[in-house]
Amino acid sequence: PSRPRRAAERRIAQHVVNGLPARQIADAETLSRHTARSHMFS
């Protein structure tokens, strides 16, 4: 499997590893919930 390449992907991945739900990730990264979920899916 490929690894996250962009800084944003690494930050989102770290939030996921820390157990944050998409809503909290979106708030922490100042993204919409839809965008956070899209990054997580990717």
Full PDB file with SEQRES, HELIX, SHEET, SSBOND, CRYST1, ORIGX, SCALE, CONECT and MASTER records, all heavy atoms in Angstrom:
SEQRES   1 A   42  PRO SER ARG PRO ARG ARG ALA ALA GLU ARG ARG ILE ALA          
SEQRES   2 A   42  GLN HIS VAL VAL ASN GLY LEU PRO ALA ARG GLN ILE ALA          
SEQRES   3 A   42  ASP ALA GLU THR LEU SER ARG HIS THR ALA ARG SER HIS          
SEQRES   4 A   42  MET PHE SER                                                  
HELIX    1 AA1 ALA A    7  VAL A   17  1                                  11    
HELIX    2 AA2 ALA A   22  GLU A   29  1                                   8    
HELIX    3 AA3 ARG A   33  PHE A   41  1                                   9    
CRYST1    1.000    1.000    1.000  90.00  90.00  90.00 P 1           1          
ORIGX1      1.000000  0.000000  0.000000        0.00000                         
ORIGX2      0.000000  1.000000  0.000000        0.00000                         
ORIGX3      0.000000  0.000000  1.000000        0.00000                         
SCALE1      1.000000  0.000000  0.000000        0.00000                         
SCALE2      0.000000  1.000000  0.000000        0.00000                         
SCALE3      0.000000  0.000000  1.000000        0.00000                         
ATOM      1  N   PRO A   1       0.824  -1.195   0.000  1.00  0.00           N  
ATOM      2  CA  PRO A   1       0.000   0.000   0.000  1.00  0.00           C  
ATOM      3  C   PRO A   1       0.862   1.250   0.000  1.00  0.00           C  
ATOM      4  O   PRO A   1       1.951   1.265   0.566  1.00  0.00           O  
ATOM      5  CB  PRO A   1      -0.820  -0.102   1.286  1.00  0.00           C  
ATOM      6  CG  PRO A   1      -0.204  -1.165   2.094  1.00  0.00           C  
ATOM      7  CD  PRO A   1       0.650  -1.982   1.197  1.00  0.00           C  
ATOM      8  N   SER A   2       0.378   2.289  -0.669  1.00  0.00           N  
ATOM      9  CA  SER A   2       1.125   3.529  -0.697  1.00  0.00           C  
ATOM     10  C   SER A   2       0.969   4.268   0.622  1.00  0.00           C  
ATOM     11  O   SER A   2       0.037   4.016   1.381  1.00  0.00           O  
ATOM     12  CB  SER A   2       0.655   4.407  -1.855  1.00  0.00           C  
ATOM     13  OG  SER A   2      -0.680   4.788  -1.655  1.00  0.00           O  
ATOM     14  N   ARG A   3       1.893   5.141   0.897  1.00  0.00           N  
ATOM     15  CA  ARG A   3       1.852   5.912   2.129  1.00  0.00           C  
ATOM     16  C   ARG A   3       1.310   7.309   1.829  1.00  0.00           C  
ATOM     17  O   ARG A   3       1.448   7.795   0.708  1.00  0.00           O  
ATOM     18  CB  ARG A   3       3.263   6.026   2.704  1.00  0.00           C  
ATOM     19  CG  ARG A   3       3.795   4.676   3.137  1.00  0.00           C  
ATOM     20  CD  ARG A   3       5.224   4.700   3.591  1.00  0.00           C  
ATOM     21  NE  ARG A   3       5.518   5.859   4.406  1.00  0.00           N  
ATOM     22  CZ  ARG A   3       6.746   6.342   4.571  1.00  0.00           C  
ATOM     23  NH1 ARG A   3       7.751   5.771   3.979  1.00  0.00           N  
ATOM     24  NH2 ARG A   3       6.958   7.388   5.328  1.00  0.00           N  
ATOM     25  N   PRO A   4       0.706   7.979   2.814  1.00  0.00           N  
ATOM     26  CA  PRO A   4       0.257   9.348   2.607  1.00  0.00           C  
ATOM     27  C   PRO A   4       1.430  10.218   2.175  1.00  0.00           C  
ATOM     28  O   PRO A   4       2.490  10.179   2.781  1.00  0.00           O  
ATOM     29  CB  PRO A   4      -0.269   9.783   3.972  1.00  0.00           C  
ATOM     30  CG  PRO A   4      -0.553   8.524   4.698  1.00  0.00           C  
ATOM     31  CD  PRO A   4       0.404   7.506   4.162  1.00  0.00           C  
ATOM     32  N   ARG A   5       1.255  10.947   1.129  1.00  0.00           N  
ATOM     33  CA  ARG A   5       2.347  11.725   0.578  1.00  0.00           C  
ATOM     34  C   ARG A   5       2.268  13.209   0.945  1.00  0.00           C  
ATOM     35  O   ARG A   5       3.266  13.848   1.133  1.00  0.00           O  
ATOM     36  CB  ARG A   5       2.387  11.583  -0.931  1.00  0.00           C  
ATOM     37  CG  ARG A   5       2.580  10.159  -1.387  1.00  0.00           C  
ATOM     38  CD  ARG A   5       3.118  10.120  -2.787  1.00  0.00           C  
ATOM     39  NE  ARG A   5       3.090   8.839  -3.454  1.00  0.00           N  
ATOM     40  CZ  ARG A   5       3.660   7.734  -3.046  1.00  0.00           C  
ATOM     41  NH1 ARG A   5       4.256   7.710  -1.904  1.00  0.00           N  
ATOM     42  NH2 ARG A   5       3.611   6.631  -3.738  1.00  0.00           N  
ATOM     43  N   ARG A   6       1.105  13.744   0.996  1.00  0.00           N  
ATOM     44  CA  ARG A   6       0.969  15.170   1.257  1.00  0.00           C  
ATOM     45  C   ARG A   6       0.921  15.417   2.765  1.00  0.00           C  
ATOM     46  O   ARG A   6       0.512  14.560   3.543  1.00  0.00           O  
ATOM     47  CB  ARG A   6      -0.298  15.714   0.622  1.00  0.00           C  
ATOM     48  CG  ARG A   6      -0.280  15.593  -0.902  1.00  0.00           C  
ATOM     49  CD  ARG A   6      -1.497  16.178  -1.507  1.00  0.00           C  
ATOM     50  NE  ARG A   6      -2.677  15.534  -0.921  1.00  0.00           N  
ATOM     51  CZ  ARG A   6      -3.907  15.893  -1.181  1.00  0.00           C  
ATOM     52  NH1 ARG A   6      -4.149  16.869  -2.005  1.00  0.00           N  
ATOM     53  NH2 ARG A   6      -4.918  15.269  -0.618  1.00  0.00           N  
ATOM     54  N   ALA A   7       1.343  16.610   3.157  1.00  0.00           N  
ATOM     55  CA  ALA A   7       1.339  16.983   4.580  1.00  0.00           C  
ATOM     56  C   ALA A   7      -0.075  16.891   5.146  1.00  0.00           C  
ATOM     57  O   ALA A   7      -0.271  16.423   6.273  1.00  0.00           O  
ATOM     58  CB  ALA A   7       1.908  18.382   4.757  1.00  0.00           C  
ATOM     59  N   ALA A   8      -1.064  17.318   4.379  1.00  0.00           N  
ATOM     60  CA  ALA A   8      -2.452  17.271   4.852  1.00  0.00           C  
ATOM     61  C   ALA A   8      -2.882  15.829   5.101  1.00  0.00           C  
ATOM     62  O   ALA A   8      -3.555  15.543   6.096  1.00  0.00           O  
ATOM     63  CB  ALA A   8      -3.382  17.935   3.840  1.00  0.00           C  
ATOM     64  N   GLU A   9      -2.500  14.923   4.220  1.00  0.00           N  
ATOM     65  CA  GLU A   9      -2.853  13.518   4.399  1.00  0.00           C  
ATOM     66  C   GLU A   9      -2.202  12.952   5.657  1.00  0.00           C  
ATOM     67  O   GLU A   9      -2.819  12.192   6.393  1.00  0.00           O  
ATOM     68  CB  GLU A   9      -2.418  12.686   3.191  1.00  0.00           C  
ATOM     69  CG  GLU A   9      -3.250  12.902   1.960  1.00  0.00           C  
ATOM     70  CD  GLU A   9      -2.774  12.075   0.795  1.00  0.00           C  
ATOM     71  OE1 GLU A   9      -1.570  11.754   0.723  1.00  0.00           O  
ATOM     72  OE2 GLU A   9      -3.611  11.753  -0.058  1.00  0.00           O  
ATOM     73  N   ARG A  10      -0.959  13.336   5.908  1.00  0.00           N  
ATOM     74  CA  ARG A  10      -0.279  12.851   7.117  1.00  0.00           C  
ATOM     75  C   ARG A  10      -0.957  13.387   8.373  1.00  0.00           C  
ATOM     76  O   ARG A  10      -1.100  12.653   9.358  1.00  0.00           O  
ATOM     77  CB  ARG A  10       1.196  13.235   7.086  1.00  0.00           C  
ATOM     78  CG  ARG A  10       2.009  12.425   6.077  1.00  0.00           C  
ATOM     79  CD  ARG A  10       3.499  12.643   6.237  1.00  0.00           C  
ATOM     80  NE  ARG A  10       3.924  14.019   6.011  1.00  0.00           N  
ATOM     81  CZ  ARG A  10       4.233  14.528   4.823  1.00  0.00           C  
ATOM     82  NH1 ARG A  10       4.179  13.762   3.746  1.00  0.00           N  
ATOM     83  NH2 ARG A  10       4.615  15.779   4.699  1.00  0.00           N  
ATOM     84  N   ARG A  11      -1.378  14.650   8.349  1.00  0.00           N  
ATOM     85  CA  ARG A  11      -2.064  15.220   9.520  1.00  0.00           C  
ATOM     86  C   ARG A  11      -3.395  14.514   9.759  1.00  0.00           C  
ATOM     87  O   ARG A  11      -3.721  14.159  10.898  1.00  0.00           O  
ATOM     88  CB  ARG A  11      -2.300  16.717   9.330  1.00  0.00           C  
ATOM     89  CG  ARG A  11      -1.043  17.549   9.455  1.00  0.00           C  
ATOM     90  CD  ARG A  11      -1.346  19.028   9.568  1.00  0.00           C  
ATOM     91  NE  ARG A  11      -2.315  19.521   8.619  1.00  0.00           N  
ATOM     92  CZ  ARG A  11      -2.043  20.030   7.420  1.00  0.00           C  
ATOM     93  NH1 ARG A  11      -0.785  20.115   7.017  1.00  0.00           N  
ATOM     94  NH2 ARG A  11      -3.002  20.467   6.633  1.00  0.00           N  
ATOM     95  N   ILE A  12      -4.161  14.295   8.688  1.00  0.00           N  
ATOM     96  CA  ILE A  12      -5.447  13.607   8.817  1.00  0.00           C  
ATOM     97  C   ILE A  12      -5.215  12.194   9.338  1.00  0.00           C  
ATOM     98  O   ILE A  12      -5.913  11.730  10.244  1.00  0.00           O  
ATOM     99  CB  ILE A  12      -6.201  13.564   7.468  1.00  0.00           C  
ATOM    100  CG1 ILE A  12      -6.518  14.957   6.963  1.00  0.00           C  
ATOM    101  CG2 ILE A  12      -7.452  12.710   7.577  1.00  0.00           C  
ATOM    102  CD1 ILE A  12      -7.560  15.712   7.739  1.00  0.00           C  
ATOM    103  N   ALA A  13      -4.219  11.510   8.790  1.00  0.00           N  
ATOM    104  CA  ALA A  13      -3.912  10.143   9.230  1.00  0.00           C  
ATOM    105  C   ALA A  13      -3.555  10.124  10.710  1.00  0.00           C  
ATOM    106  O   ALA A  13      -3.983   9.220  11.442  1.00  0.00           O  
ATOM    107  CB  ALA A  13      -2.773   9.565   8.392  1.00  0.00           C  
ATOM    108  N   GLN A  14      -2.810  11.105  11.169  1.00  0.00           N  
ATOM    109  CA  GLN A  14      -2.434  11.150  12.581  1.00  0.00           C  
ATOM    110  C   GLN A  14      -3.665  11.348  13.456  1.00  0.00           C  
ATOM    111  O   GLN A  14      -3.789  10.731  14.513  1.00  0.00           O  
ATOM    112  CB  GLN A  14      -1.409  12.259  12.845  1.00  0.00           C  
ATOM    113  CG  GLN A  14      -0.881  12.252  14.261  1.00  0.00           C  
ATOM    114  CD  GLN A  14      -0.185  10.944  14.607  1.00  0.00           C  
ATOM    115  OE1 GLN A  14       0.714  10.499  13.894  1.00  0.00           O  
ATOM    116  NE2 GLN A  14      -0.584  10.319  15.687  1.00  0.00           N  
ATOM    117  N   HIS A  15      -4.607  12.183  13.012  1.00  0.00           N  
ATOM    118  CA  HIS A  15      -5.850  12.369  13.768  1.00  0.00           C  
ATOM    119  C   HIS A  15      -6.632  11.056  13.843  1.00  0.00           C  
ATOM    120  O   HIS A  15      -7.194  10.725  14.895  1.00  0.00           O  
ATOM    121  CB  HIS A  15      -6.737  13.443  13.122  1.00  0.00           C  
ATOM    122  CG  HIS A  15      -6.206  14.832  13.275  1.00  0.00           C  
ATOM    123  ND1 HIS A  15      -5.899  15.403  14.485  1.00  0.00           N  
ATOM    124  CD2 HIS A  15      -5.949  15.784  12.345  1.00  0.00           C  
ATOM    125  CE1 HIS A  15      -5.474  16.645  14.300  1.00  0.00           C  
ATOM    126  NE2 HIS A  15      -5.493  16.896  13.013  1.00  0.00           N  
ATOM    127  N   VAL A  16      -6.660  10.317  12.744  1.00  0.00           N  
ATOM    128  CA  VAL A  16      -7.370   9.039  12.718  1.00  0.00           C  
ATOM    129  C   VAL A  16      -6.709   8.064  13.691  1.00  0.00           C  
ATOM    130  O   VAL A  16      -7.388   7.371  14.451  1.00  0.00           O  
ATOM    131  CB  VAL A  16      -7.420   8.454  11.291  1.00  0.00           C  
ATOM    132  CG1 VAL A  16      -7.968   7.042  11.288  1.00  0.00           C  
ATOM    133  CG2 VAL A  16      -8.266   9.342  10.380  1.00  0.00           C  
ATOM    134  N   VAL A  17      -5.379   8.018  13.670  1.00  0.00           N  
ATOM    135  CA  VAL A  17      -4.641   7.139  14.580  1.00  0.00           C  
ATOM    136  C   VAL A  17      -4.948   7.505  16.031  1.00  0.00           C  
ATOM    137  O   VAL A  17      -5.060   6.627  16.892  1.00  0.00           O  
ATOM    138  CB  VAL A  17      -3.115   7.226  14.302  1.00  0.00           C  
ATOM    139  CG1 VAL A  17      -2.312   6.573  15.405  1.00  0.00           C  
ATOM    140  CG2 VAL A  17      -2.797   6.600  12.954  1.00  0.00           C  
ATOM    141  N   ASN A  18      -5.111   8.788  16.299  1.00  0.00           N  
ATOM    142  CA  ASN A  18      -5.432   9.248  17.653  1.00  0.00           C  
ATOM    143  C   ASN A  18      -6.880   8.980  18.026  1.00  0.00           C  
ATOM    144  O   ASN A  18      -7.274   9.239  19.154  1.00  0.00           O  
ATOM    145  CB  ASN A  18      -5.115  10.729  17.801  1.00  0.00           C  
ATOM    146  CG  ASN A  18      -3.634  11.009  17.746  1.00  0.00           C  
ATOM    147  OD1 ASN A  18      -2.816  10.141  18.024  1.00  0.00           O  
ATOM    148  ND2 ASN A  18      -3.279  12.224  17.381  1.00  0.00           N  
ATOM    149  N   GLY A  19      -7.678   8.488  17.080  1.00  0.00           N  
ATOM    150  CA  GLY A  19      -9.045   8.091  17.380  1.00  0.00           C  
ATOM    151  C   GLY A  19     -10.088   9.183  17.243  1.00  0.00           C  
ATOM    152  O   GLY A  19     -11.219   9.010  17.703  1.00  0.00           O  
ATOM    153  N   LEU A  20      -9.751  10.296  16.611  1.00  0.00           N  
ATOM    154  CA  LEU A  20     -10.726  11.372  16.450  1.00  0.00           C  
ATOM    155  C   LEU A  20     -11.753  11.024  15.374  1.00  0.00           C  
ATOM    156  O   LEU A  20     -11.391  10.488  14.328  1.00  0.00           O  
ATOM    157  CB  LEU A  20     -10.034  12.678  16.072  1.00  0.00           C  
ATOM    158  CG  LEU A  20      -9.125  13.311  17.113  1.00  0.00           C  
ATOM    159  CD1 LEU A  20      -8.500  14.581  16.551  1.00  0.00           C  
ATOM    160  CD2 LEU A  20      -9.871  13.596  18.381  1.00  0.00           C  
ATOM    161  N   PRO A  21     -13.011  11.354  15.607  1.00  0.00           N  
ATOM    162  CA  PRO A  21     -14.018  11.171  14.565  1.00  0.00           C  
ATOM    163  C   PRO A  21     -13.898  12.290  13.522  1.00  0.00           C  
ATOM    164  O   PRO A  21     -13.224  13.304  13.751  1.00  0.00           O  
ATOM    165  CB  PRO A  21     -15.346  11.274  15.328  1.00  0.00           C  
ATOM    166  CG  PRO A  21     -15.034  12.069  16.541  1.00  0.00           C  
ATOM    167  CD  PRO A  21     -13.591  11.785  16.871  1.00  0.00           C  
ATOM    168  N   ALA A  22     -14.545  12.097  12.392  1.00  0.00           N  
ATOM    169  CA  ALA A  22     -14.443  13.041  11.275  1.00  0.00           C  
ATOM    170  C   ALA A  22     -14.824  14.460  11.693  1.00  0.00           C  
ATOM    171  O   ALA A  22     -14.189  15.431  11.262  1.00  0.00           O  
ATOM    172  CB  ALA A  22     -15.317  12.577  10.110  1.00  0.00           C  
ATOM    173  N   ARG A  23     -15.817  14.596  12.527  1.00  0.00           N  
ATOM    174  CA  ARG A  23     -16.256  15.931  12.956  1.00  0.00           C  
ATOM    175  C   ARG A  23     -15.135  16.663  13.692  1.00  0.00           C  
ATOM    176  O   ARG A  23     -14.874  17.838  13.429  1.00  0.00           O  
ATOM    177  CB  ARG A  23     -17.475  15.817  13.843  1.00  0.00           C  
ATOM    178  CG  ARG A  23     -17.990  17.142  14.355  1.00  0.00           C  
ATOM    179  CD  ARG A  23     -19.103  16.937  15.318  1.00  0.00           C  
ATOM    180  NE  ARG A  23     -18.622  15.966  16.327  1.00  0.00           N  
ATOM    181  CZ  ARG A  23     -19.354  15.414  17.249  1.00  0.00           C  
ATOM    182  NH1 ARG A  23     -20.629  15.666  17.332  1.00  0.00           N  
ATOM    183  NH2 ARG A  23     -18.840  14.576  18.111  1.00  0.00           N  
ATOM    184  N   GLN A  24     -14.449  15.982  14.589  1.00  0.00           N  
ATOM    185  CA  GLN A  24     -13.361  16.608  15.334  1.00  0.00           C  
ATOM    186  C   GLN A  24     -12.140  16.856  14.447  1.00  0.00           C  
ATOM    187  O   GLN A  24     -11.431  17.839  14.622  1.00  0.00           O  
ATOM    188  CB  GLN A  24     -12.982  15.769  16.544  1.00  0.00           C  
ATOM    189  CG  GLN A  24     -14.042  15.805  17.617  1.00  0.00           C  
ATOM    190  CD  GLN A  24     -13.666  14.948  18.808  1.00  0.00           C  
ATOM    191  OE1 GLN A  24     -12.905  13.983  18.684  1.00  0.00           O  
ATOM    192  NE2 GLN A  24     -14.216  15.289  19.960  1.00  0.00           N  
ATOM    193  N   ILE A  25     -11.896  15.969  13.509  1.00  0.00           N  
ATOM    194  CA  ILE A  25     -10.808  16.180  12.555  1.00  0.00           C  
ATOM    195  C   ILE A  25     -11.089  17.426  11.728  1.00  0.00           C  
ATOM    196  O   ILE A  25     -10.213  18.269  11.520  1.00  0.00           O  
ATOM    197  CB  ILE A  25     -10.608  14.955  11.644  1.00  0.00           C  
ATOM    198  CG1 ILE A  25     -10.097  13.770  12.468  1.00  0.00           C  
ATOM    199  CG2 ILE A  25      -9.633  15.268  10.514  1.00  0.00           C  
ATOM    200  CD1 ILE A  25     -10.060  12.460  11.714  1.00  0.00           C  
ATOM    201  N   ALA A  26     -12.328  17.556  11.271  1.00  0.00           N  
ATOM    202  CA  ALA A  26     -12.716  18.724  10.477  1.00  0.00           C  
ATOM    203  C   ALA A  26     -12.511  20.003  11.276  1.00  0.00           C  
ATOM    204  O   ALA A  26     -11.979  20.992  10.760  1.00  0.00           O  
ATOM    205  CB  ALA A  26     -14.166  18.596  10.027  1.00  0.00           C  
ATOM    206  N   ASP A  27     -12.908  19.992  12.538  1.00  0.00           N  
ATOM    207  CA  ASP A  27     -12.737  21.177  13.382  1.00  0.00           C  
ATOM    208  C   ASP A  27     -11.251  21.492  13.600  1.00  0.00           C  
ATOM    209  O   ASP A  27     -10.842  22.650  13.516  1.00  0.00           O  
ATOM    210  CB  ASP A  27     -13.433  20.983  14.727  1.00  0.00           C  
ATOM    211  CG  ASP A  27     -14.946  20.954  14.617  1.00  0.00           C  
ATOM    212  OD1 ASP A  27     -15.485  21.394  13.571  1.00  0.00           O  
ATOM    213  OD2 ASP A  27     -15.591  20.475  15.570  1.00  0.00           O  
ATOM    214  N   ALA A  28     -10.456  20.468  13.861  1.00  0.00           N  
ATOM    215  CA  ALA A  28      -9.026  20.669  14.117  1.00  0.00           C  
ATOM    216  C   ALA A  28      -8.291  21.187  12.886  1.00  0.00           C  
ATOM    217  O   ALA A  28      -7.360  21.985  13.002  1.00  0.00           O  
ATOM    218  CB  ALA A  28      -8.389  19.366  14.596  1.00  0.00           C  
ATOM    219  N   GLU A  29      -8.717  20.755  11.713  1.00  0.00           N  
ATOM    220  CA  GLU A  29      -8.037  21.129  10.464  1.00  0.00           C  
ATOM    221  C   GLU A  29      -8.755  22.264   9.721  1.00  0.00           C  
ATOM    222  O   GLU A  29      -8.358  22.603   8.608  1.00  0.00           O  
ATOM    223  CB  GLU A  29      -7.925  19.910   9.539  1.00  0.00           C  
ATOM    224  CG  GLU A  29      -7.020  18.827  10.077  1.00  0.00           C  
ATOM    225  CD  GLU A  29      -5.564  19.256  10.134  1.00  0.00           C  
ATOM    226  OE1 GLU A  29      -5.093  19.948   9.201  1.00  0.00           O  
ATOM    227  OE2 GLU A  29      -4.893  18.904  11.114  1.00  0.00           O  
ATOM    228  N   THR A  30      -9.785  22.810  10.318  1.00  0.00           N  
ATOM    229  CA  THR A  30     -10.639  23.849   9.701  1.00  0.00           C  
ATOM    230  C   THR A  30     -11.105  23.441   8.300  1.00  0.00           C  
ATOM    231  O   THR A  30     -10.931  24.157   7.332  1.00  0.00           O  
ATOM    232  CB  THR A  30      -9.947  25.227   9.675  1.00  0.00           C  
ATOM    233  OG1 THR A  30      -8.749  25.153   8.905  1.00  0.00           O  
ATOM    234  CG2 THR A  30      -9.660  25.734  11.069  1.00  0.00           C  
ATOM    235  N   LEU A  31     -11.678  22.253   8.250  1.00  0.00           N  
ATOM    236  CA  LEU A  31     -12.247  21.703   7.024  1.00  0.00           C  
ATOM    237  C   LEU A  31     -13.731  21.461   7.245  1.00  0.00           C  
ATOM    238  O   LEU A  31     -14.196  21.384   8.382  1.00  0.00           O  
ATOM    239  CB  LEU A  31     -11.596  20.356   6.689  1.00  0.00           C  
ATOM    240  CG  LEU A  31     -10.092  20.304   6.492  1.00  0.00           C  
ATOM    241  CD1 LEU A  31      -9.628  18.861   6.441  1.00  0.00           C  
ATOM    242  CD2 LEU A  31      -9.696  21.035   5.240  1.00  0.00           C  
ATOM    243  N   SER A  32     -14.450  21.283   6.153  1.00  0.00           N  
ATOM    244  CA  SER A  32     -15.832  20.851   6.299  1.00  0.00           C  
ATOM    245  C   SER A  32     -15.832  19.368   6.655  1.00  0.00           C  
ATOM    246  O   SER A  32     -14.854  18.651   6.405  1.00  0.00           O  
ATOM    247  CB  SER A  32     -16.609  21.074   5.000  1.00  0.00           C  
ATOM    248  OG  SER A  32     -16.220  20.128   4.017  1.00  0.00           O  
ATOM    249  N   ARG A  33     -16.914  18.910   7.244  1.00  0.00           N  
ATOM    250  CA  ARG A  33     -17.009  17.485   7.599  1.00  0.00           C  
ATOM    251  C   ARG A  33     -16.920  16.622   6.351  1.00  0.00           C  
ATOM    252  O   ARG A  33     -16.324  15.540   6.374  1.00  0.00           O  
ATOM    253  CB  ARG A  33     -18.308  17.207   8.339  1.00  0.00           C  
ATOM    254  CG  ARG A  33     -18.307  17.799   9.713  1.00  0.00           C  
ATOM    255  CD  ARG A  33     -19.592  17.530  10.426  1.00  0.00           C  
ATOM    256  NE  ARG A  33     -19.639  18.308  11.650  1.00  0.00           N  
ATOM    257  CZ  ARG A  33     -20.705  18.496  12.366  1.00  0.00           C  
ATOM    258  NH1 ARG A  33     -21.843  17.967  12.001  1.00  0.00           N  
ATOM    259  NH2 ARG A  33     -20.655  19.226  13.451  1.00  0.00           N  
ATOM    260  N   HIS A  34     -17.526  17.092   5.272  1.00  0.00           N  
ATOM    261  CA  HIS A  34     -17.496  16.338   4.016  1.00  0.00           C  
ATOM    262  C   HIS A  34     -16.055  16.181   3.527  1.00  0.00           C  
ATOM    263  O   HIS A  34     -15.640  15.093   3.111  1.00  0.00           O  
ATOM    264  CB  HIS A  34     -18.351  17.039   2.963  1.00  0.00           C  
ATOM    265  CG  HIS A  34     -18.293  16.373   1.626  1.00  0.00           C  
ATOM    266  ND1 HIS A  34     -18.963  15.191   1.368  1.00  0.00           N  
ATOM    267  CD2 HIS A  34     -17.626  16.683   0.499  1.00  0.00           C  
ATOM    268  CE1 HIS A  34     -18.722  14.825   0.119  1.00  0.00           C  
ATOM    269  NE2 HIS A  34     -17.906  15.718  -0.422  1.00  0.00           N  
ATOM    270  N   THR A  35     -15.277  17.253   3.588  1.00  0.00           N  
ATOM    271  CA  THR A  35     -13.881  17.201   3.143  1.00  0.00           C  
ATOM    272  C   THR A  35     -13.073  16.262   4.029  1.00  0.00           C  
ATOM    273  O   THR A  35     -12.263  15.473   3.521  1.00  0.00           O  
ATOM    274  CB  THR A  35     -13.266  18.605   3.146  1.00  0.00           C  
ATOM    275  OG1 THR A  35     -14.046  19.452   2.299  1.00  0.00           O  
ATOM    276  CG2 THR A  35     -11.830  18.585   2.658  1.00  0.00           C  
ATOM    277  N   ALA A  36     -13.292  16.329   5.335  1.00  0.00           N  
ATOM    278  CA  ALA A  36     -12.569  15.430   6.250  1.00  0.00           C  
ATOM    279  C   ALA A  36     -12.902  13.975   5.937  1.00  0.00           C  
ATOM    280  O   ALA A  36     -12.014  13.127   5.884  1.00  0.00           O  
ATOM    281  CB  ALA A  36     -12.923  15.763   7.697  1.00  0.00           C  
ATOM    282  N   ARG A  37     -14.180  13.686   5.735  1.00  0.00           N  
ATOM    283  CA  ARG A  37     -14.577  12.313   5.400  1.00  0.00           C  
ATOM    284  C   ARG A  37     -13.973  11.876   4.062  1.00  0.00           C  
ATOM    285  O   ARG A  37     -13.567  10.729   3.908  1.00  0.00           O  
ATOM    286  CB  ARG A  37     -16.093  12.177   5.360  1.00  0.00           C  
ATOM    287  CG  ARG A  37     -16.713  12.173   6.718  1.00  0.00           C  
ATOM    288  CD  ARG A  37     -18.219  11.945   6.588  1.00  0.00           C  
ATOM    289  NE  ARG A  37     -18.835  11.873   7.887  1.00  0.00           N  
ATOM    290  CZ  ARG A  37     -18.918  10.773   8.622  1.00  0.00           C  
ATOM    291  NH1 ARG A  37     -18.442   9.646   8.168  1.00  0.00           N  
ATOM    292  NH2 ARG A  37     -19.493  10.805   9.802  1.00  0.00           N  
ATOM    293  N   SER A  38     -13.910  12.789   3.101  1.00  0.00           N  
ATOM    294  CA  SER A  38     -13.325  12.478   1.805  1.00  0.00           C  
ATOM    295  C   SER A  38     -11.840  12.134   1.943  1.00  0.00           C  
ATOM    296  O   SER A  38     -11.350  11.176   1.340  1.00  0.00           O  
ATOM    297  CB  SER A  38     -13.512  13.669   0.864  1.00  0.00           C  
ATOM    298  OG  SER A  38     -12.921  13.420  -0.380  1.00  0.00           O  
ATOM    299  N   HIS A  39     -11.124  12.914   2.748  1.00  0.00           N  
ATOM    300  CA  HIS A  39      -9.710  12.620   2.992  1.00  0.00           C  
ATOM    301  C   HIS A  39      -9.562  11.259   3.671  1.00  0.00           C  
ATOM    302  O   HIS A  39      -8.676  10.485   3.330  1.00  0.00           O  
ATOM    303  CB  HIS A  39      -9.084  13.688   3.879  1.00  0.00           C  
ATOM    304  CG  HIS A  39      -8.739  14.956   3.170  1.00  0.00           C  
ATOM    305  ND1 HIS A  39      -7.919  15.016   2.075  1.00  0.00           N  
ATOM    306  CD2 HIS A  39      -9.112  16.236   3.425  1.00  0.00           C  
ATOM    307  CE1 HIS A  39      -7.786  16.263   1.681  1.00  0.00           C  
ATOM    308  NE2 HIS A  39      -8.519  17.027   2.491  1.00  0.00           N  
ATOM    309  N   MET A  40     -10.423  10.982   4.637  1.00  0.00           N  
ATOM    310  CA  MET A  40     -10.353   9.707   5.345  1.00  0.00           C  
ATOM    311  C   MET A  40     -10.617   8.544   4.397  1.00  0.00           C  
ATOM    312  O   MET A  40      -9.937   7.511   4.452  1.00  0.00           O  
ATOM    313  CB  MET A  40     -11.340   9.696   6.506  1.00  0.00           C  
ATOM    314  CG  MET A  40     -10.942  10.650   7.622  1.00  0.00           C  
ATOM    315  SD  MET A  40     -12.226  10.894   8.838  1.00  0.00           S  
ATOM    316  CE  MET A  40     -12.250   9.300   9.634  1.00  0.00           C  
ATOM    317  N   PHE A  41     -11.587   8.688   3.510  1.00  0.00           N  
ATOM    318  CA  PHE A  41     -11.890   7.643   2.532  1.00  0.00           C  
ATOM    319  C   PHE A  41     -10.683   7.418   1.625  1.00  0.00           C  
ATOM    320  O   PHE A  41     -10.286   6.279   1.365  1.00  0.00           O  
ATOM    321  CB  PHE A  41     -13.124   8.026   1.707  1.00  0.00           C  
ATOM    322  CG  PHE A  41     -13.440   7.037   0.636  1.00  0.00           C  
ATOM    323  CD1 PHE A  41     -14.100   5.857   0.933  1.00  0.00           C  
ATOM    324  CD2 PHE A  41     -13.079   7.275  -0.676  1.00  0.00           C  
ATOM    325  CE1 PHE A  41     -14.391   4.926  -0.052  1.00  0.00           C  
ATOM    326  CE2 PHE A  41     -13.358   6.359  -1.674  1.00  0.00           C  
ATOM    327  CZ  PHE A  41     -14.017   5.188  -1.363  1.00  0.00           C  
ATOM    328  N   SER A  42     -10.093   8.513   1.171  1.00  0.00           N  
ATOM    329  CA  SER A  42      -8.933   8.418   0.290  1.00  0.00           C  
ATOM    330  C   SER A  42      -7.766   7.716   0.986  1.00  0.00           C  
ATOM    331  O   SER A  42      -7.097   6.868   0.393  1.00  0.00           O  
ATOM    332  CB  SER A  42      -8.509   9.819  -0.153  1.00  0.00           C  
ATOM    333  OG  SER A  42      -7.349   9.779  -0.921  1.00  0.00           O  
TER     334      SER A  42                                                      
MASTER        0    0    0    3    0    0    0    6  333    1    0    4          
END                                                                             
